[in-house]
Amino acid sequence: MRVPVTANAQRTVRRELALREALAPRLPLPNPAIAHVARRGRRLLLVAYRAIPGEPLTDERLRALPAVVQHDMVSALAAFLNALHAYPVSDARRAGVTEQLISGAYHAAQRELPRMLAGVLTAREIAHLDARFARYEQVHEPETAPCAVLHGDLKPDHVLYDAAGGQITGVLDWGDVSLGDPDFDLAVIGMFFGHELLARLLEHLPDRDPAVVRDKACFFTTLRGLQDIRYDLDHGDPATAQRAVARLRDRDAWMASR
């Protein structure tokens, strides 16, 4: 159940409701069906979803399954990504899905993220970030990248599976849906599931260049860290923001010389 209290939550849930009505039938994996929507005038009071059975598909749980089951689950996740990223962007825009500052793949407005975090990052770190952003723009030319609908948060808690049935039972939490480079979803999978699963997933996505995806994933991982820091600060949670800064410093070797 979701209870959208803030104005941003109202926008997020309205966008999700508008998108999923058309998107859900086109996806090969279930996502929670909407059981009830309560409104007071134009304001959303709550949205209740039907529960999907299953457990979070952690990398450890996946590797504990028989090889043939692992193969089928990775194949199913690849098919889900292909279907999601093939959804018409024009339809998604009509549902209110857009590029986002603190979620999704890189776009021009995010170029200022390092300076927006001047209160928690050092000047040297910001300079490092500027150099990384510049390299990404030069090598990958984001203005020419394909634009697709992104889930934006494909981590184990949001991918459920049934060990007995040997299948993925659903994909949860569409609050970060946005438009952007489809390789961002792959980067998030690599970040939370590990690079071994990402490599196996790429075997089922022959249209993706693994070397390009890996290089972009390094940048997108840093971008995701910056988004998390900005989100925490925007929501008045400086302690969590500092933990996000620490994670970014631990994860990215370039921060070691700060």
Protein backbone atom coordinates (compact mmCIF):
# COMPACT_ATOMS: atom_id res chain seq x y z
CA MET A 1 0.00 0.00 0.00
CA ARG A 2 1.21 3.51 -0.74
CA VAL A 3 -0.04 6.65 1.02
CA PRO A 4 1.25 9.64 -1.01
CA VAL A 5 1.45 12.50 1.49
CA THR A 6 3.82 14.98 -0.16
CA ALA A 7 3.27 16.79 -3.46
CA ASN A 8 6.14 14.83 -5.00
CA ALA A 9 4.61 11.52 -3.85
CA GLN A 10 1.29 12.57 -5.39
CA ARG A 11 3.01 13.19 -8.72
CA THR A 12 4.95 9.93 -8.52
CA VAL A 13 1.91 7.77 -7.79
CA ARG A 14 -0.24 9.49 -10.44
CA ARG A 15 2.51 8.86 -12.99
CA GLU A 16 2.80 5.23 -11.95
CA LEU A 17 -0.96 4.65 -12.16
CA ALA A 18 -1.19 6.25 -15.60
CA LEU A 19 1.75 4.28 -16.97
CA ARG A 20 1.12 0.83 -15.56
CA GLU A 21 -2.41 0.43 -16.89
CA ALA A 22 -1.00 0.26 -20.42
CA LEU A 23 2.48 -1.06 -19.63
CA ALA A 24 1.68 -4.05 -17.41
CA PRO A 25 0.03 -6.21 -20.11
CA ARG A 26 3.12 -5.83 -22.30
CA LEU A 27 5.59 -7.12 -19.69
CA PRO A 28 6.45 -10.83 -19.45
CA LEU A 29 6.83 -10.67 -15.66
CA PRO A 30 3.99 -9.70 -13.29
CA ASN A 31 3.95 -6.53 -11.28
CA PRO A 32 1.53 -5.91 -8.40
CA ALA A 33 -2.03 -5.39 -9.62
CA ILE A 34 -3.80 -2.35 -8.24
CA ALA A 35 -6.57 -3.51 -5.89
CA HIS A 36 -7.97 -0.17 -4.75
CA VAL A 37 -7.44 3.57 -5.22
CA ALA A 38 -8.91 5.99 -2.68
CA ARG A 39 -9.33 9.66 -3.58
CA ARG A 40 -10.68 12.78 -1.96
CA GLY A 41 -11.53 15.04 -4.85
CA ARG A 42 -8.39 15.14 -7.01
CA ARG A 43 -6.10 14.10 -4.15
CA LEU A 44 -4.91 10.51 -3.88
CA LEU A 45 -5.32 9.14 -0.36
CA LEU A 46 -3.92 5.64 -0.87
CA VAL A 47 -3.23 2.98 -3.44
CA ALA A 48 -3.48 -0.68 -2.42
CA TYR A 49 -1.77 -3.42 -4.43
CA ARG A 50 -2.33 -7.15 -4.54
CA ALA A 51 0.61 -8.96 -2.99
CA ILE A 52 2.91 -11.02 -5.18
CA PRO A 53 4.26 -14.19 -3.55
CA GLY A 54 7.96 -14.78 -3.46
CA GLU A 55 11.26 -13.83 -1.86
CA PRO A 56 13.81 -11.20 -2.92
CA LEU A 57 16.09 -12.66 -5.59
CA THR A 58 19.49 -12.02 -4.07
CA ASP A 59 22.62 -13.03 -5.95
CA GLU A 60 23.33 -15.66 -3.28
CA ARG A 61 19.87 -17.21 -3.64
CA LEU A 62 20.17 -17.25 -7.43
CA ARG A 63 23.56 -18.99 -7.33
CA ALA A 64 22.16 -21.63 -4.94
CA LEU A 65 19.59 -22.75 -7.54
CA PRO A 66 20.22 -25.48 -10.16
CA ALA A 67 22.02 -24.21 -13.25
CA VAL A 68 19.03 -24.72 -15.53
CA VAL A 69 16.79 -22.70 -13.19
CA GLN A 70 19.38 -19.92 -13.02
CA HIS A 71 19.50 -19.83 -16.81
CA ASP A 72 15.71 -19.58 -17.06
CA MET A 73 15.54 -16.77 -14.48
CA VAL A 74 18.28 -14.73 -16.15
CA SER A 75 16.55 -15.26 -19.50
CA ALA A 76 13.23 -14.12 -18.00
CA LEU A 77 14.85 -10.97 -16.59
CA ALA A 78 16.40 -10.21 -19.99
CA ALA A 79 13.00 -10.63 -21.68
CA PHE A 80 11.48 -8.26 -19.11
CA LEU A 81 14.11 -5.62 -19.84
CA ASN A 82 13.65 -5.96 -23.60
CA ALA A 83 9.88 -5.51 -23.27
CA LEU A 84 10.18 -2.58 -20.86
CA HIS A 85 12.76 -0.75 -22.97
CA ALA A 86 10.70 -1.33 -26.14
CA TYR A 87 7.62 0.40 -24.68
CA PRO A 88 6.83 3.51 -26.77
CA VAL A 89 8.44 6.57 -25.21
CA SER A 90 5.67 8.78 -26.61
CA ASP A 91 3.06 6.76 -24.67
CA ALA A 92 5.15 7.00 -21.51
CA ARG A 93 5.47 10.77 -21.86
CA ARG A 94 1.69 11.05 -22.15
CA ALA A 95 1.46 9.21 -18.83
CA GLY A 96 3.78 11.81 -17.26
CA VAL A 97 7.03 9.85 -17.38
CA THR A 98 10.03 12.12 -18.01
CA GLU A 99 13.77 12.40 -17.36
CA GLN A 100 14.41 12.86 -13.62
CA LEU A 101 17.12 14.68 -11.69
CA ILE A 102 17.56 12.20 -8.83
CA SER A 103 16.72 8.94 -10.59
CA GLY A 104 17.34 7.37 -13.98
CA ALA A 105 20.08 7.78 -16.54
CA TYR A 106 22.28 10.76 -17.29
CA HIS A 107 20.94 13.89 -18.94
CA ALA A 108 22.10 17.48 -19.23
CA ALA A 109 20.40 18.75 -16.06
CA GLN A 110 22.40 16.27 -13.98
CA ARG A 111 25.65 17.91 -15.06
CA GLU A 112 25.24 20.23 -12.07
CA LEU A 113 24.75 17.46 -9.50
CA PRO A 114 28.37 17.64 -8.20
CA ARG A 115 28.08 21.36 -7.47
CA MET A 116 24.66 20.83 -5.88
CA LEU A 117 26.46 18.64 -3.33
CA ALA A 118 29.21 21.11 -2.47
CA GLY A 119 28.14 20.99 1.17
CA VAL A 120 29.02 17.30 1.56
CA LEU A 121 31.74 16.72 -1.06
CA THR A 122 35.19 18.29 -1.10
CA ALA A 123 36.35 20.62 -3.85
CA ARG A 124 38.77 17.95 -5.05
CA GLU A 125 35.98 15.38 -5.23
CA ILE A 126 33.85 17.76 -7.25
CA ALA A 127 36.76 18.30 -9.63
CA HIS A 128 37.13 14.52 -10.01
CA LEU A 129 33.41 14.27 -10.73
CA ASP A 130 33.59 17.04 -13.31
CA ALA A 131 36.35 15.10 -15.09
CA ARG A 132 34.31 11.90 -15.03
CA PHE A 133 31.23 13.65 -16.36
CA ALA A 134 33.31 15.23 -19.13
CA ARG A 135 34.83 11.89 -20.11
CA TYR A 136 31.41 10.23 -20.17
CA GLU A 137 30.02 12.96 -22.41
CA GLN A 138 33.01 12.71 -24.76
CA VAL A 139 33.13 8.91 -25.02
CA HIS A 140 29.45 7.99 -24.92
CA GLU A 141 27.76 11.10 -26.37
CA PRO A 142 24.63 10.85 -24.18
CA GLU A 143 22.64 13.12 -26.49
CA THR A 144 22.75 10.32 -29.11
CA ALA A 145 21.90 7.48 -26.69
CA PRO A 146 18.60 5.65 -27.11
CA CYS A 147 15.77 6.80 -24.88
CA ALA A 148 13.65 4.18 -23.13
CA VAL A 149 11.36 3.66 -20.17
CA LEU A 150 13.48 2.69 -17.15
CA HIS A 151 12.42 0.89 -14.01
CA GLY A 152 15.36 2.63 -12.35
CA ASP A 153 15.62 0.51 -9.19
CA LEU A 154 16.05 -3.16 -10.12
CA LYS A 155 17.57 -4.51 -6.92
CA PRO A 156 16.91 -7.80 -5.08
CA ASP A 157 14.08 -6.44 -2.90
CA HIS A 158 12.20 -5.52 -6.07
CA VAL A 159 12.63 -8.80 -7.98
CA LEU A 160 10.76 -11.69 -6.34
CA TYR A 161 11.16 -15.39 -7.07
CA ASP A 162 9.66 -18.73 -6.08
CA ALA A 163 12.37 -21.32 -5.44
CA ALA A 164 9.94 -24.24 -5.54
CA GLY A 165 8.48 -23.17 -8.87
CA GLY A 166 11.85 -22.09 -10.21
CA GLN A 167 10.64 -18.77 -11.59
CA ILE A 168 10.58 -15.02 -11.05
CA THR A 169 7.15 -14.12 -9.69
CA GLY A 170 7.17 -10.36 -10.14
CA VAL A 171 8.87 -6.98 -10.25
CA LEU A 172 7.96 -4.44 -7.57
CA ASP A 173 8.26 -0.71 -6.85
CA TRP A 174 7.86 1.51 -9.89
CA GLY A 175 8.37 4.75 -7.99
CA ASP A 176 11.62 5.55 -9.83
CA VAL A 177 10.29 5.00 -13.34
CA SER A 178 11.76 7.53 -15.76
CA LEU A 179 13.08 8.01 -19.28
CA GLY A 180 16.70 7.59 -20.24
CA ASP A 181 19.48 5.35 -21.48
CA PRO A 182 18.36 1.70 -21.10
CA ASP A 183 21.87 0.73 -19.99
CA PHE A 184 21.10 2.48 -16.69
CA ASP A 185 18.85 -0.42 -15.68
CA LEU A 186 21.73 -2.80 -16.42
CA ALA A 187 24.08 -0.70 -14.28
CA VAL A 188 21.68 -0.86 -11.33
CA ILE A 189 21.47 -4.64 -11.70
CA GLY A 190 25.27 -4.83 -11.71
CA MET A 191 25.43 -2.59 -8.64
CA PHE A 192 23.01 -4.60 -6.51
CA PHE A 193 23.25 -8.14 -7.91
CA GLY A 194 26.92 -8.13 -8.85
CA HIS A 195 28.89 -8.04 -12.07
CA GLU A 196 28.72 -11.81 -12.53
CA LEU A 197 24.94 -11.67 -12.95
CA LEU A 198 25.29 -8.64 -15.22
CA ALA A 199 27.69 -10.59 -17.46
CA ARG A 200 25.27 -13.52 -17.61
CA LEU A 201 22.38 -11.20 -18.37
CA LEU A 202 24.30 -9.64 -21.26
CA GLU A 203 24.58 -13.08 -22.85
CA HIS A 204 20.81 -12.87 -23.33
CA LEU A 205 20.98 -9.32 -24.70
CA PRO A 206 23.01 -9.70 -27.89
CA ASP A 207 22.22 -6.17 -29.05
CA ARG A 208 24.24 -4.72 -26.13
CA ASP A 209 28.02 -4.35 -26.33
CA PRO A 210 29.33 -5.77 -23.01
CA ALA A 211 32.43 -3.52 -23.01
CA VAL A 212 30.31 -0.41 -23.54
CA VAL A 213 27.78 -1.48 -20.91
CA ARG A 214 30.54 -2.14 -18.35
CA ASP A 215 32.15 1.24 -18.98
CA LYS A 216 28.85 3.06 -18.76
CA ALA A 217 27.93 1.09 -15.65
CA CYS A 218 30.95 2.50 -13.80
CA PHE A 219 29.73 6.02 -14.51
CA PHE A 220 26.08 5.22 -13.81
CA THR A 221 27.03 3.70 -10.45
CA THR A 222 28.65 6.98 -9.46
CA LEU A 223 25.65 8.90 -10.81
CA ARG A 224 23.30 6.73 -8.76
CA GLY A 225 25.37 7.50 -5.66
CA LEU A 226 25.06 11.23 -6.29
CA GLN A 227 21.31 10.87 -6.84
CA ASP A 228 20.96 9.07 -3.50
CA ILE A 229 22.87 11.83 -1.69
CA ARG A 230 20.76 14.57 -3.26
CA TYR A 231 17.54 12.65 -2.46
CA ASP A 232 18.49 12.30 1.21
CA LEU A 233 19.38 15.97 1.51
CA ASP A 234 16.17 17.03 -0.23
CA HIS A 235 14.21 14.95 2.28
CA GLY A 236 15.91 16.47 5.30
CA ASP A 237 18.01 13.43 6.19
CA PRO A 238 21.65 14.58 6.40
CA ALA A 239 22.74 11.51 8.40
CA THR A 240 21.60 9.14 5.66
CA ALA A 241 23.17 11.46 3.09
CA GLN A 242 26.52 11.16 4.87
CA ARG A 243 26.23 7.37 4.79
CA ALA A 244 25.56 7.62 1.05
CA VAL A 245 28.69 9.77 0.70
CA ALA A 246 30.68 7.13 2.59
CA ARG A 247 29.37 4.39 0.29
CA LEU A 248 30.35 6.44 -2.75
CA ARG A 249 33.87 6.96 -1.38
CA ASP A 250 34.23 3.26 -0.56
CA ARG A 251 32.98 2.15 -3.96
CA ASP A 252 34.87 4.52 -6.23
CA ALA A 253 38.65 4.34 -6.23
CA TRP A 254 38.96 7.82 -7.72
CA MET A 255 37.69 9.22 -4.40
CA ALA A 256 40.69 7.78 -2.55
CA SER A 257 42.89 10.77 -3.44
CA ARG A 258 40.42 13.34 -2.10
